């Protein structure tokens, strides 16, 4: 099963909560914004969605 992880950079404040909570290191901070650089590792747990207070992250099954 594959997951599509997207970040709305206009909403992202770059606090890094998604980077810290992700169990498989999907995210890195690039230029102060979350970037799903390892999307193929996503488990679909949506921990990142839960901790993102800005609602900038979406995880959708492909």
N, C-alpha and C. Protein backbone atom coordinates (compact mmCIF):
# COMPACT_ATOMS: atom_id res chain seq x y z
N UNK A 1 0.85 -1.19 0.00
CA UNK A 1 0.00 0.00 0.00
C UNK A 1 0.89 1.24 0.00
N UNK A 2 0.56 2.19 -0.85
CA UNK A 2 1.34 3.42 -0.96
C UNK A 2 0.52 4.61 -0.48
N UNK A 3 1.21 5.59 0.05
CA UNK A 3 0.56 6.78 0.60
C UNK A 3 1.13 8.02 -0.05
N UNK A 4 0.25 8.96 -0.35
CA UNK A 4 0.64 10.26 -0.89
C UNK A 4 0.61 11.26 0.26
N UNK A 5 1.77 11.82 0.56
CA UNK A 5 1.91 12.79 1.64
C UNK A 5 2.16 14.15 1.03
N UNK A 6 1.30 15.11 1.37
CA UNK A 6 1.49 16.46 0.85
C UNK A 6 1.53 17.46 1.99
N UNK A 7 2.28 18.53 1.76
CA UNK A 7 2.39 19.61 2.74
C UNK A 7 2.01 20.90 2.04
N UNK A 8 1.05 21.62 2.62
CA UNK A 8 0.68 22.95 2.13
C UNK A 8 1.70 23.93 2.70
N UNK A 9 2.66 24.34 1.88
CA UNK A 9 3.74 25.19 2.37
C UNK A 9 3.26 26.56 2.83
N UNK A 10 2.10 26.98 2.35
CA UNK A 10 1.54 28.26 2.80
C UNK A 10 1.06 28.17 4.25
N UNK A 11 0.64 26.99 4.67
CA UNK A 11 0.17 26.79 6.04
C UNK A 11 1.29 26.35 6.99
N UNK A 12 2.31 25.68 6.47
CA UNK A 12 3.37 25.11 7.29
C UNK A 12 4.19 26.21 7.96
N UNK A 13 4.35 26.10 9.29
CA UNK A 13 5.17 27.07 10.03
C UNK A 13 6.57 26.54 10.30
N UNK A 14 6.83 25.29 9.94
CA UNK A 14 8.18 24.73 10.10
C UNK A 14 8.56 24.45 11.54
N UNK A 15 7.57 24.14 12.40
CA UNK A 15 7.90 23.87 13.80
C UNK A 15 8.56 22.50 14.01
N UNK A 16 8.50 21.63 13.01
CA UNK A 16 9.20 20.36 13.07
C UNK A 16 8.50 19.25 13.84
N UNK A 17 7.28 19.47 14.27
CA UNK A 17 6.56 18.44 15.02
C UNK A 17 6.38 17.17 14.17
N UNK A 18 6.10 17.33 12.89
CA UNK A 18 5.93 16.17 12.01
C UNK A 18 7.24 15.40 11.87
N UNK A 19 8.34 16.10 11.80
CA UNK A 19 9.66 15.47 11.71
C UNK A 19 9.90 14.62 12.94
N UNK A 20 9.58 15.17 14.11
CA UNK A 20 9.83 14.49 15.38
C UNK A 20 8.91 13.29 15.60
N UNK A 21 7.66 13.37 15.17
CA UNK A 21 6.68 12.33 15.49
C UNK A 21 6.70 11.16 14.50
N UNK A 22 7.16 11.37 13.29
CA UNK A 22 7.11 10.34 12.26
C UNK A 22 8.02 9.16 12.61
N UNK A 23 7.45 7.95 12.71
CA UNK A 23 8.26 6.79 13.10
C UNK A 23 9.21 6.29 12.01
N UNK A 24 9.02 6.72 10.77
CA UNK A 24 9.86 6.24 9.67
C UNK A 24 10.59 7.37 8.93
N UNK A 25 10.65 8.55 9.55
CA UNK A 25 11.42 9.69 9.04
C UNK A 25 11.04 10.10 7.61
N UNK A 26 9.74 10.27 7.40
CA UNK A 26 9.26 10.72 6.09
C UNK A 26 9.67 12.16 5.83
N UNK A 27 9.69 12.99 6.87
CA UNK A 27 9.88 14.44 6.70
C UNK A 27 11.28 14.92 7.05
N UNK A 28 11.68 15.98 6.35
CA UNK A 28 12.84 16.79 6.70
C UNK A 28 12.39 18.24 6.61
N UNK A 29 13.07 19.11 7.34
CA UNK A 29 12.80 20.54 7.19
C UNK A 29 13.73 21.09 6.12
N UNK A 30 13.16 21.67 5.09
CA UNK A 30 13.92 22.30 4.02
C UNK A 30 13.44 23.74 3.87
N UNK A 31 14.38 24.66 4.02
CA UNK A 31 14.08 26.09 3.93
C UNK A 31 12.94 26.48 4.87
N UNK A 32 12.94 25.87 6.07
CA UNK A 32 11.96 26.23 7.09
C UNK A 32 10.58 25.63 6.91
N UNK A 33 10.44 24.66 6.02
CA UNK A 33 9.15 24.03 5.76
C UNK A 33 9.32 22.51 5.77
N UNK A 34 8.26 21.80 6.17
CA UNK A 34 8.28 20.34 6.15
C UNK A 34 8.27 19.85 4.71
N UNK A 35 9.10 18.85 4.44
CA UNK A 35 9.21 18.30 3.10
C UNK A 35 9.17 16.78 3.20
N UNK A 36 8.17 16.12 2.59
CA UNK A 36 8.07 14.66 2.66
C UNK A 36 9.06 13.98 1.71
N UNK A 37 10.34 13.99 2.09
CA UNK A 37 11.41 13.50 1.22
C UNK A 37 11.46 11.97 1.13
N UNK A 38 10.89 11.28 2.10
CA UNK A 38 10.90 9.81 2.11
C UNK A 38 9.47 9.28 2.10
N UNK A 39 8.65 9.82 1.22
CA UNK A 39 7.23 9.47 1.18
C UNK A 39 7.01 7.97 0.99
N UNK A 40 7.90 7.29 0.27
CA UNK A 40 7.74 5.86 0.04
C UNK A 40 7.82 5.03 1.33
N UNK A 41 8.32 5.63 2.41
CA UNK A 41 8.41 4.95 3.70
C UNK A 41 7.14 5.11 4.54
N UNK A 42 6.24 5.97 4.13
CA UNK A 42 5.05 6.30 4.93
C UNK A 42 4.22 5.05 5.24
N UNK A 43 3.81 4.94 6.50
CA UNK A 43 2.99 3.83 6.98
C UNK A 43 1.50 4.16 6.97
N UNK A 44 1.18 5.42 6.73
CA UNK A 44 -0.22 5.84 6.75
C UNK A 44 -0.80 5.99 8.15
N UNK A 45 0.06 6.14 9.14
CA UNK A 45 -0.40 6.23 10.53
C UNK A 45 -1.05 7.58 10.85
N UNK A 46 -0.74 8.58 10.05
CA UNK A 46 -1.26 9.94 10.18
C UNK A 46 -0.87 10.64 11.49
N UNK A 47 0.20 10.19 12.12
CA UNK A 47 0.71 10.89 13.30
C UNK A 47 1.07 12.33 12.97
N UNK A 48 1.61 12.53 11.78
CA UNK A 48 2.00 13.87 11.35
C UNK A 48 0.77 14.78 11.22
N UNK A 49 -0.31 14.22 10.70
CA UNK A 49 -1.55 14.98 10.54
C UNK A 49 -2.07 15.42 11.91
N UNK A 50 -2.00 14.51 12.88
CA UNK A 50 -2.51 14.78 14.22
C UNK A 50 -1.73 15.88 14.94
N UNK A 51 -0.40 15.92 14.74
CA UNK A 51 0.40 16.92 15.46
C UNK A 51 0.50 18.26 14.75
N UNK A 52 0.08 18.31 13.49
CA UNK A 52 0.18 19.56 12.73
C UNK A 52 -0.99 20.47 13.08
N UNK A 53 -0.73 21.45 13.93
CA UNK A 53 -1.79 22.36 14.39
C UNK A 53 -2.28 23.26 13.26
N UNK A 54 -1.47 23.43 12.23
CA UNK A 54 -1.84 24.30 11.12
C UNK A 54 -2.70 23.57 10.09
N UNK A 55 -2.79 22.25 10.17
CA UNK A 55 -3.54 21.47 9.19
C UNK A 55 -2.90 21.48 7.82
N UNK A 56 -1.57 21.52 7.81
CA UNK A 56 -0.83 21.64 6.55
C UNK A 56 -0.54 20.30 5.86
N UNK A 57 -0.73 19.19 6.58
CA UNK A 57 -0.36 17.88 6.05
C UNK A 57 -1.57 17.04 5.73
N UNK A 58 -1.52 16.39 4.57
CA UNK A 58 -2.54 15.41 4.22
C UNK A 58 -1.86 14.10 3.84
N UNK A 59 -2.50 12.99 4.22
CA UNK A 59 -2.01 11.66 3.88
C UNK A 59 -3.17 10.92 3.24
N UNK A 60 -2.97 10.50 1.98
CA UNK A 60 -4.04 9.85 1.22
C UNK A 60 -3.50 8.55 0.63
N UNK A 61 -4.31 7.50 0.70
CA UNK A 61 -3.92 6.24 0.10
C UNK A 61 -3.94 6.36 -1.42
N UNK A 62 -2.90 5.83 -2.05
CA UNK A 62 -2.80 5.89 -3.52
C UNK A 62 -3.35 4.63 -4.14
